[in-house]
Amino acid sequence: MILIVLAVIPRIDAPGMGPSDWVLHAMAYGVLGGLLFASGLGRGGTVQGVVMAVGGATVFGLATEFLQLLIPYRSFEIRDVVADAVGALVVVLVGFFSLKAAESARRGGI
């Protein structure tokens, strides 16, 4: 819900202040991807779960960009969708490999 609200409110641009829009997108959708992965959509740490969590976050990001086409003061930006996907992928992969390392340690590996 927060991501939808942020997608439709007017953007406040302050040059030189804070992280870039791209970084903010990556962070927000990284959190969403991580939550999807941790919520069980990650299917117990499988590759299919990684695809589902990253795909879900990316599709949601794409949907919010299309929503912005209906709002006069916002615009569709493919770069934002790419940032959403990259952020989700990074966080989900960290979660995935952390689970794999923990499983390996429990079995007496590494």
PDB file of N, CA and C in Angstrom:
ATOM      1  N   MET A   1       0.811  -1.180   0.000  1.00  0.00           N
ATOM      2  CA  MET A   1       0.000   0.000   0.000  1.00  0.00           C
ATOM      3  C   MET A   1       0.870   1.265   0.000  1.00  0.00           C
ATOM      4  N   ILE A   2       1.928   1.252   0.784  1.00  0.00           N
ATOM      5  CA  ILE A   2       2.812   2.416   0.851  1.00  0.00           C
ATOM      6  C   ILE A   2       3.425   2.696  -0.521  1.00  0.00           C
ATOM      7  N   LEU A   3       3.810   1.633  -1.230  1.00  0.00           N
ATOM      8  CA  LEU A   3       4.407   1.830  -2.547  1.00  0.00           C
ATOM      9  C   LEU A   3       3.418   2.435  -3.532  1.00  0.00           C
ATOM     10  N   ILE A   4       2.150   2.084  -3.427  1.00  0.00           N
ATOM     11  CA  ILE A   4       1.137   2.671  -4.309  1.00  0.00           C
ATOM     12  C   ILE A   4       0.976   4.151  -3.998  1.00  0.00           C
ATOM     13  N   VAL A   5       0.911   4.500  -2.724  1.00  0.00           N
ATOM     14  CA  VAL A   5       0.792   5.910  -2.338  1.00  0.00           C
ATOM     15  C   VAL A   5       1.995   6.698  -2.850  1.00  0.00           C
ATOM     16  N   LEU A   6       3.190   6.153  -2.670  1.00  0.00           N
ATOM     17  CA  LEU A   6       4.389   6.851  -3.152  1.00  0.00           C
ATOM     18  C   LEU A   6       4.400   6.984  -4.669  1.00  0.00           C
ATOM     19  N   ALA A   7       3.757   6.053  -5.362  1.00  0.00           N
ATOM     20  CA  ALA A   7       3.726   6.086  -6.823  1.00  0.00           C
ATOM     21  C   ALA A   7       2.790   7.165  -7.354  1.00  0.00           C
ATOM     22  N   VAL A   8       1.798   7.586  -6.561  1.00  0.00           N
ATOM     23  CA  VAL A   8       0.810   8.528  -7.085  1.00  0.00           C
ATOM     24  C   VAL A   8       0.929   9.941  -6.530  1.00  0.00           C
ATOM     25  N   ILE A   9       1.675  10.130  -5.449  1.00  0.00           N
ATOM     26  CA  ILE A   9       1.818  11.491  -4.929  1.00  0.00           C
ATOM     27  C   ILE A   9       2.802  12.269  -5.803  1.00  0.00           C
ATOM     28  N   PRO A  10       2.674  13.602  -5.819  1.00  0.00           N
ATOM     29  CA  PRO A  10       3.630  14.392  -6.608  1.00  0.00           C
ATOM     30  C   PRO A  10       5.056  14.182  -6.118  1.00  0.00           C
ATOM     31  N   ARG A  11       5.970  14.122  -7.068  1.00  0.00           N
ATOM     32  CA  ARG A  11       7.380  13.914  -6.746  1.00  0.00           C
ATOM     33  C   ARG A  11       7.994  15.237  -6.301  1.00  0.00           C
ATOM     34  N   ILE A  12       8.800  15.168  -5.276  1.00  0.00           N
ATOM     35  CA  ILE A  12       9.521  16.351  -4.802  1.00  0.00           C
ATOM     36  C   ILE A  12      10.976  16.157  -5.183  1.00  0.00           C
ATOM     37  N   ASP A  13      11.432  16.950  -6.129  1.00  0.00           N
ATOM     38  CA  ASP A  13      12.820  16.860  -6.567  1.00  0.00           C
ATOM     39  C   ASP A  13      13.647  17.935  -5.889  1.00  0.00           C
ATOM     40  N   ALA A  14      14.682  17.523  -5.215  1.00  0.00           N
ATOM     41  CA  ALA A  14      15.613  18.445  -4.576  1.00  0.00           C
ATOM     42  C   ALA A  14      17.008  18.042  -5.029  1.00  0.00           C
ATOM     43  N   PRO A  15      17.522  18.696  -6.073  1.00  0.00           N
ATOM     44  CA  PRO A  15      18.831  18.325  -6.606  1.00  0.00           C
ATOM     45  C   PRO A  15      19.914  18.312  -5.528  1.00  0.00           C
ATOM     46  N   GLY A  16      20.685  17.229  -5.536  1.00  0.00           N
ATOM     47  CA  GLY A  16      21.785  17.105  -4.602  1.00  0.00           C
ATOM     48  C   GLY A  16      21.372  16.688  -3.197  1.00  0.00           C
ATOM     49  N   MET A  17      20.105  16.422  -2.997  1.00  0.00           N
ATOM     50  CA  MET A  17      19.630  16.058  -1.665  1.00  0.00           C
ATOM     51  C   MET A  17      19.241  14.579  -1.637  1.00  0.00           C
ATOM     52  N   GLY A  18      19.906  13.812  -0.818  1.00  0.00           N
ATOM     53  CA  GLY A  18      19.541  12.415  -0.629  1.00  0.00           C
ATOM     54  C   GLY A  18      19.890  11.530  -1.813  1.00  0.00           C
ATOM     55  N   PRO A  19      19.517  10.254  -1.699  1.00  0.00           N
ATOM     56  CA  PRO A  19      19.838   9.292  -2.758  1.00  0.00           C
ATOM     57  C   PRO A  19      19.003   9.540  -4.025  1.00  0.00           C
ATOM     58  N   SER A  20      19.489   9.028  -5.137  1.00  0.00           N
ATOM     59  CA  SER A  20      18.781   9.208  -6.399  1.00  0.00           C
ATOM     60  C   SER A  20      17.475   8.421  -6.403  1.00  0.00           C
ATOM     61  N   ASP A  21      16.601   8.793  -7.307  1.00  0.00           N
ATOM     62  CA  ASP A  21      15.321   8.107  -7.473  1.00  0.00           C
ATOM     63  C   ASP A  21      15.547   6.626  -7.744  1.00  0.00           C
ATOM     64  N   TRP A  22      16.571   6.309  -8.534  1.00  0.00           N
ATOM     65  CA  TRP A  22      16.880   4.924  -8.887  1.00  0.00           C
ATOM     66  C   TRP A  22      17.229   4.127  -7.637  1.00  0.00           C
ATOM     67  N   VAL A  23      18.023   4.704  -6.765  1.00  0.00           N
ATOM     68  CA  VAL A  23      18.418   4.025  -5.526  1.00  0.00           C
ATOM     69  C   VAL A  23      17.205   3.822  -4.618  1.00  0.00           C
ATOM     70  N   LEU A  24      16.334   4.828  -4.546  1.00  0.00           N
ATOM     71  CA  LEU A  24      15.131   4.697  -3.723  1.00  0.00           C
ATOM     72  C   LEU A  24      14.225   3.592  -4.241  1.00  0.00           C
ATOM     73  N   HIS A  25      14.081   3.494  -5.563  1.00  0.00           N
ATOM     74  CA  HIS A  25      13.288   2.408  -6.146  1.00  0.00           C
ATOM     75  C   HIS A  25      13.906   1.055  -5.787  1.00  0.00           C
ATOM     76  N   ALA A  26      15.206   0.930  -5.953  1.00  0.00           N
ATOM     77  CA  ALA A  26      15.877  -0.343  -5.664  1.00  0.00           C
ATOM     78  C   ALA A  26      15.700  -0.731  -4.196  1.00  0.00           C
ATOM     79  N   MET A  27      15.803   0.234  -3.309  1.00  0.00           N
ATOM     80  CA  MET A  27      15.648  -0.055  -1.882  1.00  0.00           C
ATOM     81  C   MET A  27      14.212  -0.482  -1.559  1.00  0.00           C
ATOM     82  N   ALA A  28      13.244   0.255  -2.066  1.00  0.00           N
ATOM     83  CA  ALA A  28      11.842  -0.040  -1.755  1.00  0.00           C
ATOM     84  C   ALA A  28      11.432  -1.412  -2.296  1.00  0.00           C
ATOM     85  N   TYR A  29      11.801  -1.687  -3.533  1.00  0.00           N
ATOM     86  CA  TYR A  29      11.402  -2.958  -4.127  1.00  0.00           C
ATOM     87  C   TYR A  29      12.298  -4.107  -3.662  1.00  0.00           C
ATOM     88  N   GLY A  30      13.470  -3.783  -3.148  1.00  0.00           N
ATOM     89  CA  GLY A  30      14.278  -4.798  -2.481  1.00  0.00           C
ATOM     90  C   GLY A  30      13.572  -5.275  -1.225  1.00  0.00           C
ATOM     91  N   VAL A  31      13.025  -4.339  -0.473  1.00  0.00           N
ATOM     92  CA  VAL A  31      12.264  -4.696   0.729  1.00  0.00           C
ATOM     93  C   VAL A  31      11.045  -5.532   0.340  1.00  0.00           C
ATOM     94  N   LEU A  32      10.313  -5.099  -0.696  1.00  0.00           N
ATOM     95  CA  LEU A  32       9.138  -5.857  -1.135  1.00  0.00           C
ATOM     96  C   LEU A  32       9.531  -7.268  -1.573  1.00  0.00           C
ATOM     97  N   GLY A  33      10.578  -7.392  -2.379  1.00  0.00           N
ATOM     98  CA  GLY A  33      11.032  -8.709  -2.817  1.00  0.00           C
ATOM     99  C   GLY A  33      11.437  -9.584  -1.644  1.00  0.00           C
ATOM    100  N   GLY A  34      12.148  -8.996  -0.688  1.00  0.00           N
ATOM    101  CA  GLY A  34      12.559  -9.741   0.496  1.00  0.00           C
ATOM    102  C   GLY A  34      11.369 -10.212   1.324  1.00  0.00           C
ATOM    103  N   LEU A  35      10.367  -9.342   1.447  1.00  0.00           N
ATOM    104  CA  LEU A  35       9.165  -9.732   2.185  1.00  0.00           C
ATOM    105  C   LEU A  35       8.406 -10.847   1.464  1.00  0.00           C
ATOM    106  N   LEU A  36       8.316 -10.744   0.151  1.00  0.00           N
ATOM    107  CA  LEU A  36       7.652 -11.808  -0.618  1.00  0.00           C
ATOM    108  C   LEU A  36       8.396 -13.132  -0.462  1.00  0.00           C
ATOM    109  N   PHE A  37       9.718 -13.065  -0.509  1.00  0.00           N
ATOM    110  CA  PHE A  37      10.537 -14.272  -0.364  1.00  0.00           C
ATOM    111  C   PHE A  37      10.361 -14.882   1.024  1.00  0.00           C
ATOM    112  N   ALA A  38      10.417 -14.028   2.044  1.00  0.00           N
ATOM    113  CA  ALA A  38      10.321 -14.509   3.423  1.00  0.00           C
ATOM    114  C   ALA A  38       8.910 -14.971   3.789  1.00  0.00           C
ATOM    115  N   SER A  39       7.910 -14.460   3.085  1.00  0.00           N
ATOM    116  CA  SER A  39       6.520 -14.767   3.437  1.00  0.00           C
ATOM    117  C   SER A  39       6.060 -16.151   3.003  1.00  0.00           C
ATOM    118  N   GLY A  40       6.908 -16.861   2.291  1.00  0.00           N
ATOM    119  CA  GLY A  40       6.500 -18.183   1.838  1.00  0.00           C
ATOM    120  C   GLY A  40       6.381 -18.251   0.332  1.00  0.00           C
ATOM    121  N   LEU A  41       6.284 -17.081  -0.313  1.00  0.00           N
ATOM    122  CA  LEU A  41       6.296 -17.080  -1.765  1.00  0.00           C
ATOM    123  C   LEU A  41       7.651 -17.599  -2.231  1.00  0.00           C
ATOM    124  N   GLY A  42       8.662 -17.495  -1.338  1.00  0.00           N
ATOM    125  CA  GLY A  42       9.990 -18.005  -1.648  1.00  0.00           C
ATOM    126  C   GLY A  42      10.073 -19.515  -1.674  1.00  0.00           C
ATOM    127  N   ARG A  43       8.995 -20.203  -1.378  1.00  0.00           N
ATOM    128  CA  ARG A  43       8.887 -21.659  -1.456  1.00  0.00           C
ATOM    129  C   ARG A  43      10.057 -22.374  -0.780  1.00  0.00           C
ATOM    130  N   GLY A  44      10.364 -21.945   0.427  1.00  0.00           N
ATOM    131  CA  GLY A  44      11.380 -22.643   1.197  1.00  0.00           C
ATOM    132  C   GLY A  44      12.795 -22.469   0.672  1.00  0.00           C
ATOM    133  N   GLY A  45      13.063 -21.387  -0.012  1.00  0.00           N
ATOM    134  CA  GLY A  45      14.415 -21.127  -0.480  1.00  0.00           C
ATOM    135  C   GLY A  45      14.788 -21.862  -1.750  1.00  0.00           C
ATOM    136  N   THR A  46      13.832 -22.072  -2.638  1.00  0.00           N
ATOM    137  CA  THR A  46      14.122 -22.725  -3.912  1.00  0.00           C
ATOM    138  C   THR A  46      14.365 -21.682  -4.995  1.00  0.00           C
ATOM    139  N   VAL A  47      14.925 -22.125  -6.102  1.00  0.00           N
ATOM    140  CA  VAL A  47      15.134 -21.229  -7.237  1.00  0.00           C
ATOM    141  C   VAL A  47      13.782 -20.733  -7.741  1.00  0.00           C
ATOM    142  N   GLN A  48      12.790 -21.608  -7.732  1.00  0.00           N
ATOM    143  CA  GLN A  48      11.438 -21.193  -8.130  1.00  0.00           C
ATOM    144  C   GLN A  48      10.939 -20.076  -7.213  1.00  0.00           C
ATOM    145  N   GLY A  49      11.241 -20.160  -5.935  1.00  0.00           N
ATOM    146  CA  GLY A  49      10.856 -19.121  -4.994  1.00  0.00           C
ATOM    147  C   GLY A  49      11.532 -17.797  -5.280  1.00  0.00           C
ATOM    148  N   VAL A  50      12.798 -17.850  -5.679  1.00  0.00           N
ATOM    149  CA  VAL A  50      13.522 -16.627  -6.054  1.00  0.00           C
ATOM    150  C   VAL A  50      12.822 -15.971  -7.241  1.00  0.00           C
ATOM    151  N   VAL A  51      12.509 -16.784  -8.244  1.00  0.00           N
ATOM    152  CA  VAL A  51      11.851 -16.257  -9.446  1.00  0.00           C
ATOM    153  C   VAL A  51      10.487 -15.665  -9.090  1.00  0.00           C
ATOM    154  N   MET A  52       9.732 -16.360  -8.245  1.00  0.00           N
ATOM    155  CA  MET A  52       8.399 -15.880  -7.855  1.00  0.00           C
ATOM    156  C   MET A  52       8.492 -14.562  -7.079  1.00  0.00           C
ATOM    157  N   ALA A  53       9.398 -14.458  -6.136  1.00  0.00           N
ATOM    158  CA  ALA A  53       9.515 -13.246  -5.320  1.00  0.00           C
ATOM    159  C   ALA A  53       9.999 -12.058  -6.158  1.00  0.00           C
ATOM    160  N   VAL A  54      11.038 -12.280  -6.960  1.00  0.00           N
ATOM    161  CA  VAL A  54      11.562 -11.192  -7.805  1.00  0.00           C
ATOM    162  C   VAL A  54      10.524 -10.831  -8.866  1.00  0.00           C
ATOM    163  N   GLY A  55       9.907 -11.846  -9.454  1.00  0.00           N
ATOM    164  CA  GLY A  55       8.876 -11.595 -10.463  1.00  0.00           C
ATOM    165  C   GLY A  55       7.695 -10.845  -9.888  1.00  0.00           C
ATOM    166  N   GLY A  56       7.261 -11.228  -8.703  1.00  0.00           N
ATOM    167  CA  GLY A  56       6.138 -10.545  -8.057  1.00  0.00           C
ATOM    168  C   GLY A  56       6.442  -9.083  -7.784  1.00  0.00           C
ATOM    169  N   ALA A  57       7.616  -8.804  -7.254  1.00  0.00           N
ATOM    170  CA  ALA A  57       7.994  -7.420  -6.975  1.00  0.00           C
ATOM    171  C   ALA A  57       8.118  -6.617  -8.272  1.00  0.00           C
ATOM    172  N   THR A  58       8.681  -7.232  -9.297  1.00  0.00           N
ATOM    173  CA  THR A  58       8.859  -6.536 -10.576  1.00  0.00           C
ATOM    174  C   THR A  58       7.508  -6.251 -11.235  1.00  0.00           C
ATOM    175  N   VAL A  59       6.608  -7.215 -11.219  1.00  0.00           N
ATOM    176  CA  VAL A  59       5.277  -7.001 -11.800  1.00  0.00           C
ATOM    177  C   VAL A  59       4.538  -5.910 -11.041  1.00  0.00           C
ATOM    178  N   PHE A  60       4.672  -5.885  -9.727  1.00  0.00           N
ATOM    179  CA  PHE A  60       4.041  -4.824  -8.946  1.00  0.00           C
ATOM    180  C   PHE A  60       4.634  -3.463  -9.324  1.00  0.00           C
ATOM    181  N   GLY A  61       5.956  -3.409  -9.500  1.00  0.00           N
ATOM    182  CA  GLY A  61       6.592  -2.169  -9.927  1.00  0.00           C
ATOM    183  C   GLY A  61       6.112  -1.726 -11.295  1.00  0.00           C
ATOM    184  N   LEU A  62       5.969  -2.678 -12.206  1.00  0.00           N
ATOM    185  CA  LEU A  62       5.462  -2.376 -13.546  1.00  0.00           C
ATOM    186  C   LEU A  62       4.027  -1.862 -13.465  1.00  0.00           C
ATOM    187  N   ALA A  63       3.223  -2.473 -12.619  1.00  0.00           N
ATOM    188  CA  ALA A  63       1.832  -2.036 -12.458  1.00  0.00           C
ATOM    189  C   ALA A  63       1.759  -0.607 -11.927  1.00  0.00           C
ATOM    190  N   THR A  64       2.631  -0.259 -10.978  1.00  0.00           N
ATOM    191  CA  THR A  64       2.608   1.110 -10.446  1.00  0.00           C
ATOM    192  C   THR A  64       3.061   2.109 -11.503  1.00  0.00           C
ATOM    193  N   GLU A  65       3.978   1.699 -12.367  1.00  0.00           N
ATOM    194  CA  GLU A  65       4.393   2.596 -13.458  1.00  0.00           C
ATOM    195  C   GLU A  65       3.240   2.818 -14.433  1.00  0.00           C
ATOM    196  N   PHE A  66       2.481   1.762 -14.747  1.00  0.00           N
ATOM    197  CA  PHE A  66       1.315   1.930 -15.614  1.00  0.00           C
ATOM    198  C   PHE A  66       0.262   2.804 -14.934  1.00  0.00           C
ATOM    199  N   LEU A  67       0.103   2.671 -13.627  1.00  0.00           N
ATOM    200  CA  LEU A  67      -0.814   3.518 -12.878  1.00  0.00           C
ATOM    201  C   LEU A  67      -0.433   4.989 -13.043  1.00  0.00           C
ATOM    202  N   GLN A  68       0.863   5.247 -13.084  1.00  0.00           N
ATOM    203  CA  GLN A  68       1.330   6.625 -13.210  1.00  0.00           C
ATOM    204  C   GLN A  68       0.977   7.238 -14.564  1.00  0.00           C
ATOM    205  N   LEU A  69       0.686   6.409 -15.562  1.00  0.00           N
ATOM    206  CA  LEU A  69       0.242   6.939 -16.856  1.00  0.00           C
ATOM    207  C   LEU A  69      -1.099   7.666 -16.728  1.00  0.00           C
ATOM    208  N   LEU A  70      -1.879   7.307 -15.729  1.00  0.00           N
ATOM    209  CA  LEU A  70      -3.196   7.909 -15.524  1.00  0.00           C
ATOM    210  C   LEU A  70      -3.147   9.186 -14.700  1.00  0.00           C
ATOM    211  N   ILE A  71      -1.967   9.519 -14.190  1.00  0.00           N
ATOM    212  CA  ILE A  71      -1.825  10.671 -13.305  1.00  0.00           C
ATOM    213  C   ILE A  71      -1.050  11.761 -14.050  1.00  0.00           C
ATOM    214  N   PRO A  72      -1.673  12.942 -14.206  1.00  0.00           N
ATOM    215  CA  PRO A  72      -1.066  13.994 -15.039  1.00  0.00           C
ATOM    216  C   PRO A  72       0.349  14.422 -14.640  1.00  0.00           C
ATOM    217  N   TYR A  73       0.640  14.446 -13.365  1.00  0.00           N
ATOM    218  CA  TYR A  73       1.943  14.929 -12.909  1.00  0.00           C
ATOM    219  C   TYR A  73       2.972  13.821 -12.721  1.00  0.00           C
ATOM    220  N   ARG A  74       2.645  12.592 -13.122  1.00  0.00           N
ATOM    221  CA  ARG A  74       3.595  11.478 -13.040  1.00  0.00           C
ATOM    222  C   ARG A  74       3.800  10.901 -14.432  1.00  0.00           C
ATOM    223  N   SER A  75       4.830  10.094 -14.599  1.00  0.00           N
ATOM    224  CA  SER A  75       5.093   9.506 -15.918  1.00  0.00           C
ATOM    225  C   SER A  75       5.643   8.088 -15.758  1.00  0.00           C
ATOM    226  N   PHE A  76       5.474   7.304 -16.811  1.00  0.00           N
ATOM    227  CA  PHE A  76       5.991   5.941 -16.862  1.00  0.00           C
ATOM    228  C   PHE A  76       7.484   6.015 -17.138  1.00  0.00           C
ATOM    229  N   GLU A  77       8.283   5.329 -16.320  1.00  0.00           N
ATOM    230  CA  GLU A  77       9.737   5.304 -16.508  1.00  0.00           C
ATOM    231  C   GLU A  77      10.214   3.859 -16.482  1.00  0.00           C
ATOM    232  N   ILE A  78      10.700   3.364 -17.596  1.00  0.00           N
ATOM    233  CA  ILE A  78      11.194   1.985 -17.659  1.00  0.00           C
ATOM    234  C   ILE A  78      12.411   1.812 -16.748  1.00  0.00           C
ATOM    235  N   ARG A  79      13.180   2.877 -16.562  1.00  0.00           N
ATOM    236  CA  ARG A  79      14.343   2.804 -15.662  1.00  0.00           C
ATOM    237  C   ARG A  79      13.911   2.493 -14.231  1.00  0.00           C
ATOM    238  N   ASP A  80      12.742   2.991 -13.852  1.00  0.00           N
ATOM    239  CA  ASP A  80      12.238   2.696 -12.508  1.00  0.00           C
ATOM    240  C   ASP A  80      11.914   1.209 -12.367  1.00  0.00           C
ATOM    241  N   VAL A  81      11.347   0.616 -13.412  1.00  0.00           N
ATOM    242  CA  VAL A  81      11.027  -0.818 -13.382  1.00  0.00           C
ATOM    243  C   VAL A  81      12.321  -1.629 -13.287  1.00  0.00           C
ATOM    244  N   VAL A  82      13.346  -1.207 -14.017  1.00  0.00           N
ATOM    245  CA  VAL A  82      14.644  -1.894 -13.955  1.00  0.00           C
ATOM    246  C   VAL A  82      15.215  -1.787 -12.539  1.00  0.00           C
ATOM    247  N   ALA A  83      15.129  -0.602 -11.945  1.00  0.00           N
ATOM    248  CA  ALA A  83      15.617  -0.418 -10.571  1.00  0.00           C
ATOM    249  C   ALA A  83      14.837  -1.287  -9.595  1.00  0.00           C
ATOM    250  N   ASP A  84      13.521  -1.378  -9.800  1.00  0.00           N
ATOM    251  CA  ASP A  84      12.688  -2.235  -8.945  1.00  0.00           C
ATOM    252  C   ASP A  84      13.164  -3.684  -9.025  1.00  0.00           C
ATOM    253  N   ALA A  85      13.373  -4.156 -10.241  1.00  0.00           N
ATOM    254  CA  ALA A  85      13.789  -5.550 -10.449  1.00  0.00           C
ATOM    255  C   ALA A  85      15.170  -5.811  -9.861  1.00  0.00           C
ATOM    256  N   VAL A  86      16.095  -4.885 -10.059  1.00  0.00           N
ATOM    257  CA  VAL A  86      17.456  -5.060  -9.533  1.00  0.00           C
ATOM    258  C   VAL A  86      17.443  -5.082  -8.008  1.00  0.00           C
ATOM    259  N   GLY A  87      16.703  -4.157  -7.400  1.00  0.00           N
ATOM    260  CA  GLY A  87      16.615  -4.127  -5.944  1.00  0.00           C
ATOM    261  C   GLY A  87      16.037  -5.417  -5.385  1.00  0.00           C
ATOM    262  N   ALA A  88      14.944  -5.884  -5.995  1.00  0.00           N
ATOM    263  CA  ALA A  88      14.326  -7.130  -5.541  1.00  0.00           C
ATOM    264  C   ALA A  88      15.281  -8.301  -5.723  1.00  0.00           C
ATOM    265  N   LEU A  89      15.949  -8.362  -6.870  1.00  0.00           N
ATOM    266  CA  LEU A  89      16.866  -9.470  -7.145  1.00  0.00           C
ATOM    267  C   LEU A  89      18.008  -9.521  -6.142  1.00  0.00           C
ATOM    268  N   VAL A  90      18.605  -8.389  -5.839  1.00  0.00           N
ATOM    269  CA  VAL A  90      19.735  -8.362  -4.907  1.00  0.00           C
ATOM    270  C   VAL A  90      19.309  -8.856  -3.527  1.00  0.00           C
ATOM    271  N   VAL A  91      18.213  -8.327  -3.017  1.00  0.00           N
ATOM    272  CA  VAL A  91      17.783  -8.710  -1.670  1.00  0.00           C
ATOM    273  C   VAL A  91      17.355 -10.173  -1.623  1.00  0.00           C
ATOM    274  N   VAL A  92      16.613 -10.613  -2.633  1.00  0.00           N
ATOM    275  CA  VAL A  92      16.151 -12.007  -2.644  1.00  0.00           C
ATOM    276  C   VAL A  92      17.332 -12.964  -2.774  1.00  0.00           C
ATOM    277  N   LEU A  93      18.311 -12.627  -3.595  1.00  0.00           N
ATOM    278  CA  LEU A  93      19.484 -13.499  -3.717  1.00  0.00           C
ATOM    279  C   LEU A  93      20.270 -13.571  -2.412  1.00  0.00           C
ATOM    280  N   VAL A  94      20.372 -12.454  -1.712  1.00  0.00           N
ATOM    281  CA  VAL A  94      21.041 -12.478  -0.402  1.00  0.00           C
ATOM    282  C   VAL A  94      20.287 -13.416   0.532  1.00  0.00           C
ATOM    283  N   GLY A  95      18.961 -13.325   0.546  1.00  0.00           N
ATOM    284  CA  GLY A  95      18.158 -14.224   1.372  1.00  0.00           C
ATOM    285  C   GLY A  95      18.314 -15.677   0.958  1.00  0.00           C
ATOM    286  N   PHE A  96      18.302 -15.918  -0.340  1.00  0.00           N
ATOM    287  CA  PHE A  96      18.418 -17.280  -0.865  1.00  0.00           C
ATOM    288  C   PHE A  96      19.756 -17.907  -0.466  1.00  0.00           C
ATOM    289  N   PHE A  97      20.851 -17.186  -0.712  1.00  0.00           N
ATOM    290  CA  PHE A  97      22.169 -17.743  -0.397  1.00  0.00           C
ATOM    291  C   PHE A  97      22.408 -17.827   1.109  1.00  0.00           C
ATOM    292  N   SER A  98      21.785 -16.949   1.876  1.00  0.00           N
ATOM    293  CA  SER A  98      21.874 -17.051   3.337  1.00  0.00           C
ATOM    294  C   SER A  98      21.190 -18.322   3.827  1.00  0.00           C
ATOM    295  N   LEU A  99      20.006 -18.612   3.249  1.00  0.00           N
ATOM    296  CA  LEU A  99      19.317 -19.860   3.609  1.00  0.00           C
ATOM    297  C   LEU A  99      20.142 -21.076   3.235  1.00  0.00           C
ATOM    298  N   LYS A 100      20.744 -21.052   2.051  1.00  0.00           N
ATOM    299  CA  LYS A 100      21.555 -22.191   1.603  1.00  0.00           C
ATOM    300  C   LYS A 100      22.766 -22.380   2.514  1.00  0.00           C
ATOM    301  N   ALA A 101      23.403 -21.282   2.921  1.00  0.00           N
ATOM    302  CA  ALA A 101      24.562 -21.380   3.809  1.00  0.00           C
ATOM    303  C   ALA A 101      24.150 -21.927   5.169  1.00  0.00           C
ATOM    304  N   ALA A 102      22.997 -21.473   5.676  1.00  0.00           N
ATOM    305  CA  ALA A 102      22.517 -21.965   6.974  1.00  0.00           C
ATOM    306  C   ALA A 102      22.174 -23.453   6.894  1.00  0.00           C
ATOM    307  N   GLU A 103      21.561 -23.884   5.793  1.00  0.00           N
ATOM    308  CA  GLU A 103      21.243 -25.306   5.617  1.00  0.00           C
ATOM    309  C   GLU A 103      22.515 -26.150   5.559  1.00  0.00           C
ATOM    310  N   SER A 104      23.503 -25.628   4.852  1.00  0.00           N
ATOM    311  CA  SER A 104      24.769 -26.346   4.739  1.00  0.00           C
ATOM    312  C   SER A 104      25.461 -26.466   6.092  1.00  0.00           C
ATOM    313  N   ALA A 105      25.423 -25.394   6.873  1.00  0.00           N
ATOM    314  CA  ALA A 105      26.048 -25.409   8.197  1.00  0.00           C
ATOM    315  C   ALA A 105      25.339 -26.382   9.125  1.00  0.00           C
ATOM    316  N   ARG A 106      24.015 -26.457   9.016  1.00  0.00           N
ATOM    317  CA  ARG A 106      23.265 -27.414   9.853  1.00  0.00           C
ATOM    318  C   ARG A 106      23.596 -28.860   9.523  1.00  0.00           C
ATOM    319  N   ARG A 107      23.893 -29.092   8.236  1.00  0.00           N
ATOM    320  CA  ARG A 107      24.222 -30.457   7.822  1.00  0.00           C
ATOM    321  C   ARG A 107      25.697 -30.783   8.046  1.00  0.00           C
ATOM    322  N   GLY A 108      26.446 -29.816   8.567  1.00  0.00           N
ATOM    323  CA  GLY A 108      27.852 -30.067   8.842  1.00  0.00           C
ATOM    324  C   GLY A 108      28.781 -29.670   7.701  1.00  0.00           C
ATOM    325  N   GLY A 109      28.248 -28.956   6.725  1.00  0.00           N
ATOM    326  CA  GLY A 109      29.065 -28.472   5.609  1.00  0.00           C
ATOM    327  C   GLY A 109      29.869 -27.266   6.036  1.00  0.00           C
ATOM    328  N   ILE A 110      30.394 -26.563   5.074  1.00  0.00           N
ATOM    329  CA  ILE A 110      31.289 -25.417   5.322  1.00  0.00           C
ATOM    330  C   ILE A 110      31.498 -25.241   6.758  1.00  0.00           C
TER     331      ILE A 110
END
